[in-house]
Amino acid sequence: MSTMRRIRAAWAALRGGQSPASPAPSPEPGGQEGPEAALGRARIELEDLRREIERLRQDYARREERAVEEVAAAGQESLSRLGRRIGPLLSQFATMRALAAKGKDVRRDDLLAMAGKLEKAFAESGLSVIGEVGAEAPFDPKFHQRLSGGDVKDGDLVRVRFMPIRFIAKQLKLTSALLRGLQRHHHAGWTHSPL
């Protein structure tokens, strides 16, 4: 008998009736089932249902614990992959920094090439830069951070000074925007804010 049918049968027995899904009662001597027999069966059914509920709770707890462990393991593996990918690039960066600290020349092109490789590695892991420095965008406090200027309201045009970072489908609040409300002044095709 399914769990739902058992619950219905137990409820019907407790109310003194019989569920259509429940089996026919076994009559007492004298031809009729007494309320004590129905109550006894209902108690047995109820205890069975309580055990079933407890078993389901324990099963759910085990599954939830296993899911948390799997998510943690997947996160650790992603970090390990990223570490293997960017480790050599960070080593090159540390070497360049040490050379610069000793007064040695560090080629700008080498540094920019390494930064591009780091950006690509992060993008493949779901962390990417979006937008452009100097672009105008409607102010959104979820994505922009006020750096200078006057008051600004949501939707006011601002000039982006630092590009936003997106992680997978979420944007991190690492973007900064010049919070002066931009007035549209077109000078040689460039829109800018008044000083």
N, C-alpha and C. Protein backbone atom coordinates (compact mmCIF):
# COMPACT_ATOMS: atom_id res chain seq x y z
N MET A 1 0.85 -1.16 0.00
CA MET A 1 0.00 0.00 0.00
C MET A 1 0.90 1.23 0.00
N SER A 2 0.58 2.23 -0.80
CA SER A 2 1.40 3.44 -0.88
C SER A 2 1.29 4.23 0.42
N THR A 3 2.25 5.09 0.63
CA THR A 3 2.27 5.91 1.84
C THR A 3 1.03 6.78 1.93
N MET A 4 0.64 7.38 0.83
CA MET A 4 -0.53 8.25 0.83
C MET A 4 -1.79 7.46 1.16
N ARG A 5 -1.92 6.27 0.61
CA ARG A 5 -3.11 5.45 0.92
C ARG A 5 -3.13 5.07 2.39
N ARG A 6 -1.94 4.79 2.93
CA ARG A 6 -1.86 4.41 4.33
C ARG A 6 -2.25 5.59 5.22
N ILE A 7 -1.84 6.79 4.84
CA ILE A 7 -2.20 7.98 5.62
C ILE A 7 -3.71 8.18 5.57
N ARG A 8 -4.29 8.05 4.37
CA ARG A 8 -5.75 8.21 4.23
C ARG A 8 -6.50 7.16 5.05
N ALA A 9 -6.03 5.93 5.01
CA ALA A 9 -6.69 4.85 5.75
C ALA A 9 -6.61 5.11 7.25
N ALA A 10 -5.42 5.58 7.71
CA ALA A 10 -5.27 5.86 9.14
C ALA A 10 -6.18 7.01 9.56
N TRP A 11 -6.26 8.04 8.74
CA TRP A 11 -7.12 9.18 9.04
C TRP A 11 -8.59 8.76 9.06
N ALA A 12 -8.99 7.98 8.10
CA ALA A 12 -10.38 7.51 8.05
C ALA A 12 -10.69 6.66 9.27
N ALA A 13 -9.76 5.82 9.67
CA ALA A 13 -10.00 4.97 10.83
C ALA A 13 -10.10 5.81 12.10
N LEU A 14 -9.28 6.84 12.21
CA LEU A 14 -9.34 7.70 13.40
C LEU A 14 -10.67 8.45 13.47
N ARG A 15 -11.22 8.79 12.32
CA ARG A 15 -12.51 9.49 12.29
C ARG A 15 -13.67 8.53 12.49
N GLY A 16 -13.41 7.25 12.44
CA GLY A 16 -14.47 6.27 12.64
C GLY A 16 -15.07 5.76 11.36
N GLY A 17 -14.54 6.19 10.24
CA GLY A 17 -15.04 5.72 8.96
C GLY A 17 -14.02 4.80 8.32
N GLN A 18 -14.25 4.50 7.08
CA GLN A 18 -13.31 3.65 6.36
C GLN A 18 -13.04 4.29 5.02
N SER A 19 -11.77 4.37 4.66
CA SER A 19 -11.38 4.93 3.37
C SER A 19 -11.71 3.93 2.30
N PRO A 20 -12.09 4.41 1.09
CA PRO A 20 -12.38 3.48 0.01
C PRO A 20 -11.14 2.68 -0.39
N ALA A 21 -9.95 3.21 -0.11
CA ALA A 21 -8.73 2.51 -0.50
C ALA A 21 -8.29 1.51 0.55
N SER A 22 -8.93 1.54 1.72
CA SER A 22 -8.48 0.63 2.78
C SER A 22 -9.12 -0.73 2.61
N PRO A 23 -8.44 -1.75 3.13
CA PRO A 23 -9.00 -3.09 3.00
C PRO A 23 -10.25 -3.24 3.87
N ALA A 24 -11.03 -4.22 3.56
CA ALA A 24 -12.24 -4.47 4.34
C ALA A 24 -11.86 -4.85 5.75
N PRO A 25 -12.63 -4.38 6.73
CA PRO A 25 -12.29 -4.69 8.11
C PRO A 25 -12.51 -6.15 8.43
N SER A 26 -11.70 -6.62 9.36
CA SER A 26 -11.94 -7.99 9.81
C SER A 26 -12.91 -7.91 10.97
N PRO A 27 -14.04 -8.56 10.81
CA PRO A 27 -15.09 -8.40 11.81
C PRO A 27 -14.70 -9.03 13.13
N GLU A 28 -15.25 -8.44 14.22
CA GLU A 28 -15.08 -9.01 15.54
C GLU A 28 -16.04 -10.18 15.68
N PRO A 29 -15.80 -10.97 16.68
CA PRO A 29 -16.82 -12.00 16.89
C PRO A 29 -18.16 -11.34 17.13
N GLY A 30 -19.11 -11.66 16.47
CA GLY A 30 -20.43 -11.06 16.55
C GLY A 30 -20.77 -10.34 15.27
N GLY A 31 -19.83 -10.28 14.29
CA GLY A 31 -20.13 -9.77 12.98
C GLY A 31 -19.73 -8.35 12.70
N GLN A 32 -19.39 -7.51 13.67
CA GLN A 32 -19.03 -6.13 13.40
C GLN A 32 -17.70 -5.79 14.05
N GLU A 33 -16.99 -4.85 13.38
CA GLU A 33 -15.71 -4.40 13.93
C GLU A 33 -15.99 -3.29 14.92
N GLY A 34 -15.34 -3.36 16.05
CA GLY A 34 -15.55 -2.33 17.06
C GLY A 34 -14.57 -1.17 16.88
N PRO A 35 -14.85 -0.05 17.50
CA PRO A 35 -13.99 1.12 17.39
C PRO A 35 -12.59 0.86 17.95
N GLU A 36 -12.48 -0.01 18.95
CA GLU A 36 -11.17 -0.31 19.52
C GLU A 36 -10.27 -0.99 18.50
N ALA A 37 -10.81 -1.88 17.69
CA ALA A 37 -10.02 -2.58 16.68
C ALA A 37 -9.58 -1.60 15.59
N ALA A 38 -10.48 -0.71 15.18
CA ALA A 38 -10.13 0.29 14.17
C ALA A 38 -9.07 1.23 14.71
N LEU A 39 -9.22 1.62 15.97
CA LEU A 39 -8.24 2.50 16.59
C LEU A 39 -6.89 1.80 16.72
N GLY A 40 -6.89 0.55 17.04
CA GLY A 40 -5.64 -0.22 17.12
C GLY A 40 -4.94 -0.29 15.77
N ARG A 41 -5.72 -0.57 14.73
CA ARG A 41 -5.13 -0.61 13.38
C ARG A 41 -4.59 0.76 12.99
N ALA A 42 -5.34 1.81 13.33
CA ALA A 42 -4.91 3.17 12.99
C ALA A 42 -3.61 3.52 13.72
N ARG A 43 -3.49 3.09 14.95
CA ARG A 43 -2.25 3.35 15.71
C ARG A 43 -1.06 2.63 15.09
N ILE A 44 -1.30 1.40 14.66
CA ILE A 44 -0.23 0.64 14.00
C ILE A 44 0.18 1.34 12.70
N GLU A 45 -0.84 1.74 11.93
CA GLU A 45 -0.57 2.46 10.67
C GLU A 45 0.18 3.76 10.96
N LEU A 46 -0.25 4.49 11.99
CA LEU A 46 0.39 5.75 12.34
C LEU A 46 1.85 5.53 12.73
N GLU A 47 2.12 4.51 13.49
CA GLU A 47 3.50 4.21 13.88
C GLU A 47 4.33 3.83 12.66
N ASP A 48 3.75 3.06 11.75
CA ASP A 48 4.46 2.73 10.50
C ASP A 48 4.78 4.00 9.71
N LEU A 49 3.80 4.90 9.65
CA LEU A 49 4.02 6.15 8.93
C LEU A 49 5.09 7.01 9.60
N ARG A 50 5.11 7.03 10.92
CA ARG A 50 6.15 7.79 11.63
C ARG A 50 7.54 7.23 11.33
N ARG A 51 7.63 5.90 11.31
CA ARG A 51 8.93 5.29 10.97
C ARG A 51 9.33 5.63 9.53
N GLU A 52 8.35 5.61 8.63
CA GLU A 52 8.61 5.95 7.22
C GLU A 52 9.07 7.40 7.09
N ILE A 53 8.41 8.30 7.81
CA ILE A 53 8.80 9.71 7.78
C ILE A 53 10.22 9.88 8.32
N GLU A 54 10.54 9.21 9.40
CA GLU A 54 11.90 9.31 9.96
C GLU A 54 12.93 8.76 8.99
N ARG A 55 12.59 7.64 8.34
CA ARG A 55 13.52 7.09 7.35
C ARG A 55 13.75 8.07 6.20
N LEU A 56 12.66 8.72 5.73
CA LEU A 56 12.76 9.69 4.65
C LEU A 56 13.57 10.92 5.09
N ARG A 57 13.39 11.35 6.34
CA ARG A 57 14.19 12.48 6.85
C ARG A 57 15.67 12.14 6.87
N GLN A 58 15.99 10.96 7.35
CA GLN A 58 17.40 10.55 7.38
C GLN A 58 17.97 10.43 5.97
N ASP A 59 17.18 9.88 5.06
CA ASP A 59 17.63 9.77 3.67
C ASP A 59 17.87 11.15 3.08
N TYR A 60 16.95 12.08 3.34
CA TYR A 60 17.09 13.45 2.85
C TYR A 60 18.36 14.10 3.43
N ALA A 61 18.58 13.92 4.72
CA ALA A 61 19.77 14.51 5.36
C ALA A 61 21.05 13.95 4.75
N ARG A 62 21.07 12.64 4.47
CA ARG A 62 22.25 12.02 3.84
C ARG A 62 22.47 12.59 2.44
N ARG A 63 21.39 12.72 1.68
CA ARG A 63 21.50 13.26 0.32
C ARG A 63 21.97 14.72 0.35
N GLU A 64 21.43 15.49 1.27
CA GLU A 64 21.82 16.90 1.38
C GLU A 64 23.30 17.01 1.76
N GLU A 65 23.74 16.20 2.69
CA GLU A 65 25.15 16.21 3.09
C GLU A 65 26.05 15.81 1.92
N ARG A 66 25.63 14.81 1.17
CA ARG A 66 26.40 14.36 0.00
C ARG A 66 26.46 15.46 -1.05
N ALA A 67 25.34 16.17 -1.25
CA ALA A 67 25.32 17.26 -2.24
C ALA A 67 26.26 18.39 -1.82
N VAL A 68 26.28 18.73 -0.54
CA VAL A 68 27.19 19.77 -0.05
C VAL A 68 28.63 19.35 -0.27
N GLU A 69 28.94 18.09 0.01
CA GLU A 69 30.30 17.59 -0.19
C GLU A 69 30.68 17.63 -1.67
N GLU A 70 29.75 17.27 -2.56
CA GLU A 70 30.04 17.29 -4.00
C GLU A 70 30.27 18.71 -4.50
N VAL A 71 29.49 19.67 -4.01
CA VAL A 71 29.68 21.06 -4.41
C VAL A 71 31.04 21.56 -3.92
N ALA A 72 31.39 21.24 -2.69
CA ALA A 72 32.69 21.66 -2.15
C ALA A 72 33.83 21.04 -2.95
N ALA A 73 33.70 19.77 -3.30
CA ALA A 73 34.74 19.10 -4.09
C ALA A 73 34.86 19.72 -5.48
N ALA A 74 33.73 20.04 -6.10
CA ALA A 74 33.76 20.67 -7.42
C ALA A 74 34.40 22.05 -7.34
N GLY A 75 34.09 22.80 -6.30
CA GLY A 75 34.70 24.12 -6.11
C GLY A 75 36.20 24.01 -5.92
N GLN A 76 36.61 23.04 -5.14
CA GLN A 76 38.05 22.83 -4.90
C GLN A 76 38.76 22.44 -6.19
N GLU A 77 38.12 21.61 -6.99
CA GLU A 77 38.71 21.21 -8.26
C GLU A 77 38.82 22.40 -9.21
N SER A 78 37.80 23.26 -9.22
CA SER A 78 37.87 24.46 -10.07
C SER A 78 39.00 25.36 -9.64
N LEU A 79 39.16 25.54 -8.34
CA LEU A 79 40.27 26.36 -7.85
C LEU A 79 41.62 25.74 -8.19
N SER A 80 41.72 24.43 -8.09
CA SER A 80 42.97 23.75 -8.44
C SER A 80 43.31 23.94 -9.91
N ARG A 81 42.30 23.79 -10.78
CA ARG A 81 42.52 24.01 -12.22
C ARG A 81 42.98 25.44 -12.48
N LEU A 82 42.32 26.40 -11.84
CA LEU A 82 42.70 27.80 -12.03
C LEU A 82 44.11 28.04 -11.52
N GLY A 83 44.44 27.47 -10.38
CA GLY A 83 45.79 27.62 -9.83
C GLY A 83 46.85 27.05 -10.76
N ARG A 84 46.57 25.89 -11.34
CA ARG A 84 47.54 25.30 -12.29
C ARG A 84 47.68 26.17 -13.53
N ARG A 85 46.58 26.83 -13.90
CA ARG A 85 46.61 27.66 -15.11
C ARG A 85 47.33 28.98 -14.89
N ILE A 86 47.07 29.63 -13.75
CA ILE A 86 47.65 30.96 -13.55
C ILE A 86 48.94 30.95 -12.74
N GLY A 87 49.26 29.82 -12.13
CA GLY A 87 50.49 29.74 -11.33
C GLY A 87 51.74 30.18 -12.09
N PRO A 88 51.98 29.63 -13.28
CA PRO A 88 53.16 30.06 -14.04
C PRO A 88 53.12 31.55 -14.41
N LEU A 89 51.93 32.09 -14.67
CA LEU A 89 51.82 33.51 -15.01
C LEU A 89 52.13 34.38 -13.79
N LEU A 90 51.67 33.96 -12.64
CA LEU A 90 51.97 34.71 -11.42
C LEU A 90 53.46 34.64 -11.10
N SER A 91 54.08 33.52 -11.41
CA SER A 91 55.54 33.38 -11.22
C SER A 91 56.28 34.37 -12.12
N GLN A 92 55.82 34.48 -13.37
CA GLN A 92 56.43 35.45 -14.29
C GLN A 92 56.23 36.87 -13.78
N PHE A 93 55.06 37.16 -13.26
CA PHE A 93 54.79 38.49 -12.74
C PHE A 93 55.70 38.79 -11.55
N ALA A 94 55.86 37.83 -10.64
CA ALA A 94 56.74 38.03 -9.48
C ALA A 94 58.18 38.27 -9.93
N THR A 95 58.59 37.56 -10.97
CA THR A 95 59.95 37.74 -11.51
C THR A 95 60.10 39.15 -12.08
N MET A 96 59.11 39.61 -12.85
CA MET A 96 59.16 40.97 -13.40
C MET A 96 59.19 42.01 -12.29
N ARG A 97 58.39 41.80 -11.26
CA ARG A 97 58.36 42.74 -10.15
C ARG A 97 59.70 42.80 -9.45
N ALA A 98 60.33 41.64 -9.26
CA ALA A 98 61.64 41.60 -8.61
C ALA A 98 62.69 42.30 -9.47
N LEU A 99 62.64 42.09 -10.78
CA LEU A 99 63.58 42.77 -11.68
C LEU A 99 63.39 44.28 -11.62
N ALA A 100 62.13 44.73 -11.63
CA ALA A 100 61.85 46.16 -11.57
C ALA A 100 62.32 46.75 -10.25
N ALA A 101 62.17 46.01 -9.16
CA ALA A 101 62.62 46.49 -7.85
C ALA A 101 64.14 46.66 -7.80
N LYS A 102 64.87 45.88 -8.61
CA LYS A 102 66.33 45.98 -8.67
C LYS A 102 66.78 47.01 -9.72
N GLY A 103 65.82 47.70 -10.32
CA GLY A 103 66.16 48.72 -11.30
C GLY A 103 66.35 48.19 -12.71
N LYS A 104 66.05 46.94 -12.94
CA LYS A 104 66.17 46.36 -14.28
C LYS A 104 64.99 46.78 -15.13
N ASP A 105 65.20 46.79 -16.43
CA ASP A 105 64.12 47.13 -17.34
C ASP A 105 63.15 45.97 -17.48
N VAL A 106 61.86 46.29 -17.40
CA VAL A 106 60.79 45.32 -17.64
C VAL A 106 60.02 45.84 -18.84
N ARG A 107 59.93 45.02 -19.84
CA ARG A 107 59.26 45.45 -21.07
C ARG A 107 57.76 45.53 -20.87
N ARG A 108 57.22 46.65 -21.25
CA ARG A 108 55.78 46.88 -21.13
C ARG A 108 55.00 45.85 -21.94
N ASP A 109 55.48 45.52 -23.14
CA ASP A 109 54.78 44.55 -23.98
C ASP A 109 54.70 43.19 -23.32
N ASP A 110 55.77 42.79 -22.62
CA ASP A 110 55.76 41.51 -21.90
C ASP A 110 54.72 41.53 -20.78
N LEU A 111 54.68 42.64 -20.07
CA LEU A 111 53.73 42.77 -18.97
C LEU A 111 52.29 42.75 -19.48
N LEU A 112 52.02 43.46 -20.57
CA LEU A 112 50.67 43.48 -21.14
C LEU A 112 50.28 42.11 -21.70
N ALA A 113 51.23 41.40 -22.31
CA ALA A 113 50.94 40.06 -22.82
C ALA A 113 50.57 39.12 -21.67
N MET A 114 51.32 39.23 -20.56
CA MET A 114 51.03 38.39 -19.40
C MET A 114 49.66 38.75 -18.81
N ALA A 115 49.33 40.03 -18.75
CA ALA A 115 48.02 40.44 -18.24
C ALA A 115 46.91 39.89 -19.12
N GLY A 116 47.11 39.87 -20.43
CA GLY A 116 46.11 39.29 -21.34
C GLY A 116 45.91 37.81 -21.10
N LYS A 117 47.02 37.09 -20.83
CA LYS A 117 46.91 35.65 -20.55
C LYS A 117 46.16 35.42 -19.24
N LEU A 118 46.43 36.26 -18.23
CA LEU A 118 45.71 36.13 -16.96
C LEU A 118 44.21 36.40 -17.16
N GLU A 119 43.91 37.44 -17.91
CA GLU A 119 42.51 37.77 -18.17
C GLU A 119 41.80 36.61 -18.88
N LYS A 120 42.49 35.99 -19.84
CA LYS A 120 41.91 34.86 -20.57
C LYS A 120 41.69 33.67 -19.64
N ALA A 121 42.67 33.39 -18.77
CA ALA A 121 42.54 32.26 -17.84
C ALA A 121 41.36 32.49 -16.89
N PHE A 122 41.23 33.71 -16.39
CA PHE A 122 40.11 34.00 -15.51
C PHE A 122 38.78 33.91 -16.25
N ALA A 123 38.74 34.40 -17.49
CA ALA A 123 37.51 34.35 -18.28
C ALA A 123 37.08 32.90 -18.50
N GLU A 124 38.03 32.00 -18.73
CA GLU A 124 37.69 30.59 -18.91
C GLU A 124 37.16 29.96 -17.63
N SER A 125 37.43 30.60 -16.50
CA SER A 125 36.91 30.12 -15.21
C SER A 125 35.64 30.85 -14.82
N GLY A 126 35.13 31.71 -15.70
CA GLY A 126 33.87 32.37 -15.44
C GLY A 126 33.98 33.79 -14.94
N LEU A 127 35.19 34.32 -14.78
CA LEU A 127 35.39 35.68 -14.28
C LEU A 127 35.86 36.55 -15.43
N SER A 128 35.02 37.48 -15.86
CA SER A 128 35.39 38.26 -17.04
C SER A 128 35.06 39.73 -16.87
N VAL A 129 35.81 40.55 -17.58
CA VAL A 129 35.61 41.99 -17.59
C VAL A 129 34.57 42.31 -18.66
N ILE A 130 33.67 43.23 -18.34
CA ILE A 130 32.68 43.64 -19.33
C ILE A 130 32.70 45.16 -19.42
N GLY A 131 32.26 45.69 -20.51
CA GLY A 131 32.19 47.13 -20.68
C GLY A 131 33.52 47.72 -21.11
N GLU A 132 33.56 49.06 -21.14
CA GLU A 132 34.76 49.77 -21.56
C GLU A 132 35.00 50.97 -20.67
N VAL A 133 36.26 51.26 -20.41
CA VAL A 133 36.62 52.45 -19.66
C VAL A 133 36.23 53.66 -20.49
N GLY A 134 35.61 54.65 -19.86
CA GLY A 134 35.21 55.87 -20.54
C GLY A 134 33.82 55.82 -21.11
N ALA A 135 33.20 54.64 -21.13
CA ALA A 135 31.85 54.52 -21.68
C ALA A 135 30.84 55.13 -20.71
N GLU A 136 29.73 55.57 -21.25
CA GLU A 136 28.63 56.05 -20.42
C GLU A 136 27.69 54.88 -20.16
N ALA A 137 27.16 54.86 -18.95
CA ALA A 137 26.22 53.81 -18.59
C ALA A 137 25.24 54.36 -17.56
N PRO A 138 24.02 53.86 -17.55
CA PRO A 138 23.08 54.27 -16.50
C PRO A 138 23.60 53.76 -15.15
N PHE A 139 23.60 54.62 -14.15
CA PHE A 139 24.10 54.24 -12.83
C PHE A 139 23.22 53.15 -12.23
N ASP A 140 23.86 52.11 -11.75
CA ASP A 140 23.18 51.00 -11.08
C ASP A 140 24.03 50.65 -9.87
N PRO A 141 23.54 50.86 -8.65
CA PRO A 141 24.37 50.62 -7.47
C PRO A 141 24.80 49.16 -7.30
N LYS A 142 24.14 48.23 -8.02
CA LYS A 142 24.57 46.84 -7.95
C LYS A 142 25.89 46.65 -8.68
N PHE A 143 26.19 47.52 -9.65
CA PHE A 143 27.37 47.34 -10.48
C PHE A 143 28.37 48.48 -10.37
N HIS A 144 27.93 49.64 -9.89
CA HIS A 144 28.80 50.80 -9.87
C HIS A 144 29.09 51.25 -8.46
N GLN A 145 30.24 51.88 -8.30
CA GLN A 145 30.65 52.41 -7.02
C GLN A 145 30.99 53.88 -7.21
N ARG A 146 30.49 54.72 -6.36
CA ARG A 146 30.71 56.15 -6.51
C ARG A 146 32.14 56.48 -6.14
N LEU A 147 32.82 57.23 -7.02
CA LEU A 147 34.19 57.65 -6.77
C LEU A 147 34.27 59.13 -6.44
N SER A 148 33.58 59.94 -7.22
CA SER A 148 33.65 61.39 -7.01
C SER A 148 32.42 62.01 -7.65
N GLY A 149 32.29 63.29 -7.46
CA GLY A 149 31.19 64.00 -8.10
C GLY A 149 30.02 64.17 -7.16
N GLY A 150 28.96 64.71 -7.71
CA GLY A 150 27.77 65.01 -6.92
C GLY A 150 26.87 63.81 -6.73
N ASP A 151 25.70 64.12 -6.24
CA ASP A 151 24.71 63.06 -6.04
C ASP A 151 24.28 62.49 -7.38
N VAL A 152 23.96 61.26 -7.37
CA VAL A 152 23.49 60.59 -8.58
C VAL A 152 22.38 59.64 -8.17
N LYS A 153 21.39 59.54 -9.04
CA LYS A 153 20.26 58.64 -8.79
C LYS A 153 20.37 57.44 -9.72
N ASP A 154 19.70 56.37 -9.35
CA ASP A 154 19.66 55.20 -10.23
C ASP A 154 19.20 55.63 -11.61
N GLY A 155 19.90 55.18 -12.62
CA GLY A 155 19.54 55.49 -13.99
C GLY A 155 20.23 56.70 -14.56
N ASP A 156 20.81 57.58 -13.70
CA ASP A 156 21.55 58.74 -14.22
C ASP A 156 22.76 58.25 -15.00
N LEU A 157 23.07 58.93 -16.07
CA LEU A 157 24.25 58.54 -16.85
C LEU A 157 25.52 58.91 -16.12
N VAL A 158 26.45 57.97 -16.07
CA VAL A 158 27.76 58.18 -15.44
C VAL A 158 28.82 57.68 -16.40
N ARG A 159 30.04 58.13 -16.20
CA ARG A 159 31.15 57.67 -17.01
C ARG A 159 31.88 56.57 -16.23
N VAL A 160 32.08 55.43 -16.88
CA VAL A 160 32.74 54.29 -16.25
C VAL A 160 34.24 54.55 -16.22
N ARG A 161 34.82 54.45 -15.03
CA ARG A 161 36.25 54.65 -14.88
C ARG A 161 36.99 53.34 -14.69
N PHE A 162 36.32 52.35 -14.13
CA PHE A 162 36.89 51.02 -13.97
C PHE A 162 35.85 50.03 -14.46
N MET A 163 36.27 49.06 -15.23
CA MET A 163 35.31 48.14 -15.86
C MET A 163 34.73 47.16 -14.84
N PRO A 164 33.45 46.81 -15.02
CA PRO A 164 32.84 45.82 -14.14
C PRO A 164 33.38 44.42 -14.43
N ILE A 165 33.30 43.60 -13.41
CA ILE A 165 33.71 42.20 -13.51
C ILE A 165 32.46 41.35 -13.37
N ARG A 166 32.33 40.37 -14.24
CA ARG A 166 31.19 39.45 -14.18
C ARG A 166 31.73 38.06 -13.83
N PHE A 167 31.09 37.43 -12.87
CA PHE A 167 31.44 36.04 -12.54
C PHE A 167 30.26 35.19 -12.93
N ILE A 168 30.50 34.33 -13.94
CA ILE A 168 29.45 33.51 -14.54
C ILE A 168 28.31 34.46 -14.92
N ALA A 169 27.16 34.38 -14.27
CA ALA A 169 26.04 35.23 -14.67
C ALA A 169 25.84 36.41 -13.73
N LYS A 170 26.67 36.49 -12.67
CA LYS A 170 26.51 37.58 -11.71
C LYS A 170 27.59 38.62 -11.94
N GLN A 171 27.27 39.84 -11.70
CA GLN A 171 28.27 40.90 -11.79
C GLN A 171 28.71 41.25 -10.39
N LEU A 172 30.02 41.35 -10.23
CA LEU A 172 30.57 41.74 -8.94
C LEU A 172 30.64 43.26 -8.88
N LYS A 173 30.48 43.78 -7.70
CA LYS A 173 30.50 45.23 -7.56
C LYS A 173 31.95 45.70 -7.49
N LEU A 174 32.65 45.51 -8.58
CA LEU A 174 34.03 45.94 -8.69
C LEU A 174 34.13 47.09 -9.69
N THR A 175 32.99 47.53 -10.17
CA THR A 175 32.97 48.62 -11.14
C THR A 175 32.90 49.93 -10.40
N SER A 176 33.61 50.87 -10.90
CA SER A 176 33.50 52.22 -10.35
C SER A 176 33.08 53.14 -11.47
N ALA A 177 32.28 54.10 -11.13
CA ALA A 177 31.80 55.04 -12.14
C ALA A 177 31.92 56.45 -11.60
N LEU A 178 32.23 57.36 -12.45
CA LEU A 178 32.24 58.77 -12.09
C LEU A 178 30.79 59.17 -11.88
N LEU A 179 30.49 59.62 -10.69
CA LEU A 179 29.10 59.82 -10.33
C LEU A 179 28.58 61.21 -10.60
N ARG A 180 29.20 61.93 -11.45
CA ARG A 180 28.60 63.19 -11.88
C ARG A 180 27.55 62.85 -12.91
N GLY A 181 26.39 63.35 -12.75
CA GLY A 181 25.37 63.14 -13.77
C GLY A 181 25.88 63.72 -15.07
N LEU A 182 25.86 62.94 -16.11
CA LEU A 182 26.38 63.42 -17.39
C LEU A 182 25.33 64.23 -18.11
N GLN A 183 25.74 65.36 -18.55
CA GLN A 183 24.89 66.13 -19.44
C GLN A 183 25.42 65.90 -20.83
N ARG A 184 24.56 65.78 -21.75
CA ARG A 184 24.98 65.47 -23.11
C ARG A 184 25.54 66.71 -23.79
N HIS A 185 26.86 66.73 -23.94
CA HIS A 185 27.54 67.75 -24.72
C HIS A 185 28.32 67.00 -25.78
N HIS A 186 28.01 67.24 -26.98
CA HIS A 186 28.68 66.52 -28.06
C HIS A 186 29.76 67.42 -28.64
N HIS A 187 30.96 66.96 -28.53
CA HIS A 187 32.09 67.70 -29.08
C HIS A 187 32.90 66.70 -29.88
N ALA A 188 32.87 66.83 -31.16
CA ALA A 188 33.58 65.91 -32.05
C ALA A 188 33.16 64.47 -31.80
N GLY A 189 31.86 64.27 -31.53
CA GLY A 189 31.36 62.91 -31.36
C GLY A 189 31.60 62.32 -29.98
N TRP A 190 32.21 63.09 -29.06
CA TRP A 190 32.51 62.56 -27.72
C TRP A 190 31.52 63.14 -26.74
N THR A 191 30.82 62.29 -26.00
CA THR A 191 29.88 62.76 -25.00
C THR A 191 30.63 62.85 -23.69
N HIS A 192 30.48 63.97 -22.99
CA HIS A 192 31.23 64.15 -21.75
C HIS A 192 30.40 64.91 -20.74
N SER A 193 30.89 64.92 -19.51
CA SER A 193 30.21 65.66 -18.47
C SER A 193 30.90 67.00 -18.30
N PRO A 194 30.16 68.01 -17.91
CA PRO A 194 30.78 69.31 -17.68
C PRO A 194 31.67 69.26 -16.44
N LEU A 195 32.67 70.08 -16.41
CA LEU A 195 33.56 70.12 -15.24
C LEU A 195 33.01 71.01 -14.18
